[in-house]
């Protein structure tokens, strides 16, 4: 039975040490966590900048139909 854990370690040197130990265990796999929150915030920041650029006249808005057509490929 596989078991998955997310462990937050506040000290980078301890985290590196423990990661080194875990990588040497034959039945343990490690994967760096991706912070979804940071990517969501980045996307929101980009969207807000685009809206502000449209309001300032630096960009032109596109219709919802054009947007949906772009999503379809």
N, C-alpha and C. Protein backbone atom coordinates (compact mmCIF):
# COMPACT_ATOMS: atom_id res chain seq x y z
N UNK A 1 0.84 -1.18 0.00
CA UNK A 1 0.00 0.00 0.00
C UNK A 1 0.89 1.24 0.00
N UNK A 2 0.68 2.10 -1.01
CA UNK A 2 1.44 3.35 -1.08
C UNK A 2 0.87 4.36 -0.10
N UNK A 3 1.74 5.16 0.45
CA UNK A 3 1.33 6.22 1.36
C UNK A 3 2.00 7.51 0.90
N UNK A 4 1.23 8.57 0.80
CA UNK A 4 1.75 9.86 0.35
C UNK A 4 1.61 10.88 1.46
N UNK A 5 2.67 11.63 1.67
CA UNK A 5 2.67 12.67 2.70
C UNK A 5 3.21 13.96 2.11
N UNK A 6 2.74 15.06 2.60
CA UNK A 6 3.34 16.37 2.33
C UNK A 6 3.91 16.84 3.66
N UNK A 7 5.21 17.13 3.67
CA UNK A 7 5.88 17.54 4.89
C UNK A 7 6.48 18.92 4.69
N UNK A 8 6.13 19.85 5.55
CA UNK A 8 6.72 21.19 5.51
C UNK A 8 7.80 21.27 6.56
N UNK A 9 9.03 21.59 6.11
CA UNK A 9 10.16 21.69 7.02
C UNK A 9 10.66 23.13 6.94
N UNK A 10 10.64 23.81 8.06
CA UNK A 10 10.99 25.22 8.09
C UNK A 10 12.47 25.53 7.92
N UNK A 11 13.33 24.59 8.17
CA UNK A 11 14.78 24.80 8.09
C UNK A 11 15.30 24.12 6.82
N UNK A 12 15.86 24.91 5.90
CA UNK A 12 16.31 24.36 4.62
C UNK A 12 17.41 23.32 4.78
N UNK A 13 18.32 23.53 5.73
CA UNK A 13 19.42 22.57 5.89
C UNK A 13 18.89 21.22 6.38
N UNK A 14 17.92 21.24 7.27
CA UNK A 14 17.31 20.00 7.75
C UNK A 14 16.53 19.34 6.61
N UNK A 15 15.83 20.15 5.83
CA UNK A 15 15.06 19.62 4.70
C UNK A 15 15.98 18.92 3.70
N UNK A 16 17.10 19.56 3.36
CA UNK A 16 18.06 18.94 2.43
C UNK A 16 18.62 17.64 3.00
N UNK A 17 18.91 17.64 4.27
CA UNK A 17 19.46 16.45 4.93
C UNK A 17 18.46 15.29 4.86
N UNK A 18 17.21 15.57 5.24
CA UNK A 18 16.19 14.52 5.21
C UNK A 18 15.89 14.05 3.80
N UNK A 19 15.88 14.98 2.85
CA UNK A 19 15.65 14.61 1.46
C UNK A 19 16.76 13.69 0.95
N UNK A 20 17.99 13.99 1.33
CA UNK A 20 19.12 13.13 0.96
C UNK A 20 18.96 11.72 1.50
N UNK A 21 18.50 11.60 2.72
CA UNK A 21 18.27 10.28 3.31
C UNK A 21 17.15 9.55 2.56
N UNK A 22 16.06 10.25 2.32
CA UNK A 22 14.91 9.61 1.67
C UNK A 22 15.23 9.17 0.25
N UNK A 23 16.03 9.95 -0.47
CA UNK A 23 16.37 9.58 -1.85
C UNK A 23 17.18 8.30 -1.92
N UNK A 24 17.87 7.95 -0.83
CA UNK A 24 18.68 6.73 -0.81
C UNK A 24 17.89 5.49 -0.38
N UNK A 25 16.63 5.66 -0.01
CA UNK A 25 15.81 4.52 0.36
C UNK A 25 15.19 3.92 -0.91
N UNK A 26 15.29 2.60 -1.08
CA UNK A 26 14.86 1.99 -2.34
C UNK A 26 13.36 2.09 -2.63
N UNK A 27 12.54 2.18 -1.62
CA UNK A 27 11.10 2.19 -1.86
C UNK A 27 10.47 3.58 -1.74
N UNK A 28 11.31 4.62 -1.64
CA UNK A 28 10.80 5.98 -1.47
C UNK A 28 11.07 6.77 -2.74
N UNK A 29 10.06 7.45 -3.22
CA UNK A 29 10.24 8.38 -4.33
C UNK A 29 9.93 9.78 -3.82
N UNK A 30 10.63 10.75 -4.36
CA UNK A 30 10.41 12.13 -3.93
C UNK A 30 10.03 12.96 -5.14
N UNK A 31 9.26 13.99 -4.91
CA UNK A 31 8.85 14.91 -5.97
C UNK A 31 8.68 16.28 -5.35
N UNK A 32 9.25 17.28 -6.00
CA UNK A 32 9.14 18.64 -5.48
C UNK A 32 7.70 19.12 -5.65
N UNK A 33 7.16 19.69 -4.61
CA UNK A 33 5.78 20.17 -4.64
C UNK A 33 5.70 21.45 -5.47
N UNK A 34 4.61 21.57 -6.20
CA UNK A 34 4.34 22.77 -6.97
C UNK A 34 3.29 23.56 -6.21
N UNK A 35 3.58 24.81 -5.98
CA UNK A 35 2.66 25.64 -5.22
C UNK A 35 1.61 26.19 -6.16
N UNK A 36 0.44 25.56 -6.16
CA UNK A 36 -0.64 26.00 -7.04
C UNK A 36 -1.10 27.40 -6.71
N UNK A 37 -1.05 27.74 -5.45
CA UNK A 37 -1.51 29.06 -5.04
C UNK A 37 -0.68 30.14 -5.74
N UNK A 38 0.62 29.94 -5.81
CA UNK A 38 1.46 30.95 -6.44
C UNK A 38 1.16 31.08 -7.93
N UNK A 39 0.85 29.98 -8.61
CA UNK A 39 0.53 30.07 -10.03
C UNK A 39 -0.83 30.73 -10.23
N UNK A 40 -1.76 30.50 -9.32
CA UNK A 40 -3.07 31.15 -9.40
C UNK A 40 -2.91 32.64 -9.22
N UNK A 41 -2.12 33.04 -8.24
CA UNK A 41 -1.88 34.46 -7.99
C UNK A 41 -1.20 35.10 -9.19
N UNK A 42 -0.24 34.40 -9.78
CA UNK A 42 0.46 34.93 -10.96
C UNK A 42 -0.54 35.14 -12.09
N UNK A 43 -1.41 34.17 -12.33
CA UNK A 43 -2.40 34.30 -13.40
C UNK A 43 -3.37 35.44 -13.12
N UNK A 44 -3.77 35.61 -11.87
CA UNK A 44 -4.65 36.72 -11.52
C UNK A 44 -3.96 38.06 -11.72
N UNK A 45 -2.69 38.15 -11.35
CA UNK A 45 -1.93 39.38 -11.56
C UNK A 45 -1.86 39.73 -13.04
N UNK A 46 -1.63 38.73 -13.89
CA UNK A 46 -1.57 38.96 -15.33
C UNK A 46 -2.93 39.41 -15.86
N UNK A 47 -4.00 38.79 -15.37
CA UNK A 47 -5.35 39.16 -15.81
C UNK A 47 -5.69 40.59 -15.39
N UNK A 48 -5.34 40.96 -14.18
CA UNK A 48 -5.60 42.32 -13.70
C UNK A 48 -4.81 43.33 -14.52
N UNK A 49 -3.55 43.01 -14.82
CA UNK A 49 -2.74 43.91 -15.64
C UNK A 49 -3.37 44.08 -17.02
N UNK A 50 -3.85 42.99 -17.60
CA UNK A 50 -4.48 43.07 -18.92
C UNK A 50 -5.74 43.93 -18.88
N UNK A 51 -6.57 43.77 -17.85
CA UNK A 51 -7.77 44.59 -17.71
C UNK A 51 -7.40 46.06 -17.56
N UNK A 52 -6.39 46.35 -16.75
CA UNK A 52 -5.95 47.73 -16.56
C UNK A 52 -5.41 48.32 -17.87
N UNK A 53 -4.69 47.50 -18.65
CA UNK A 53 -4.18 47.96 -19.94
C UNK A 53 -5.33 48.27 -20.90
N UNK A 54 -6.37 47.45 -20.87
CA UNK A 54 -7.54 47.70 -21.72
C UNK A 54 -8.23 48.99 -21.29
N UNK A 55 -8.39 49.18 -19.98
CA UNK A 55 -9.01 50.41 -19.48
C UNK A 55 -8.20 51.65 -19.84
N UNK A 56 -6.87 51.52 -19.84
CA UNK A 56 -6.00 52.65 -20.15
C UNK A 56 -5.85 52.87 -21.65
N UNK A 57 -6.42 51.98 -22.45
CA UNK A 57 -6.34 52.13 -23.90
C UNK A 57 -5.06 51.58 -24.50
N UNK A 58 -4.26 50.86 -23.71
CA UNK A 58 -3.01 50.29 -24.22
C UNK A 58 -3.26 49.00 -25.00
N UNK A 59 -4.39 48.36 -24.72
CA UNK A 59 -4.79 47.13 -25.41
C UNK A 59 -6.25 47.25 -25.79
N UNK A 60 -6.64 46.46 -26.76
CA UNK A 60 -8.06 46.44 -27.10
C UNK A 60 -8.68 45.14 -26.60
N UNK A 61 -9.91 45.25 -26.16
CA UNK A 61 -10.62 44.08 -25.66
C UNK A 61 -11.08 43.24 -26.84
N UNK A 62 -11.25 41.96 -26.63
CA UNK A 62 -11.78 41.10 -27.68
C UNK A 62 -13.14 40.57 -27.23
N UNK A 63 -13.91 40.16 -28.17
CA UNK A 63 -15.25 39.68 -27.84
C UNK A 63 -15.18 38.30 -27.20
N UNK A 64 -16.23 37.96 -26.49
CA UNK A 64 -16.30 36.63 -25.87
C UNK A 64 -16.27 35.55 -26.94
N UNK A 65 -16.88 35.81 -28.08
CA UNK A 65 -16.89 34.84 -29.18
C UNK A 65 -15.46 34.57 -29.66
N UNK A 66 -14.66 35.63 -29.83
CA UNK A 66 -13.27 35.45 -30.25
C UNK A 66 -12.48 34.64 -29.22
N UNK A 67 -12.72 34.94 -27.95
CA UNK A 67 -12.05 34.22 -26.87
C UNK A 67 -12.40 32.73 -26.91
N UNK A 68 -13.68 32.42 -27.04
CA UNK A 68 -14.11 31.01 -27.09
C UNK A 68 -13.59 30.31 -28.33
N UNK A 69 -13.54 31.01 -29.45
CA UNK A 69 -12.98 30.41 -30.68
C UNK A 69 -11.51 30.09 -30.49
N UNK A 70 -10.79 30.96 -29.77
CA UNK A 70 -9.37 30.70 -29.52
C UNK A 70 -9.20 29.47 -28.63
N UNK A 71 -10.07 29.29 -27.68
CA UNK A 71 -9.99 28.11 -26.80
C UNK A 71 -10.21 26.82 -27.56
N UNK A 72 -11.06 26.86 -28.58
CA UNK A 72 -11.36 25.66 -29.36
C UNK A 72 -10.20 25.28 -30.26
N UNK A 73 -9.33 26.20 -30.53
CA UNK A 73 -8.15 25.88 -31.30
C UNK A 73 -8.26 26.35 -32.68
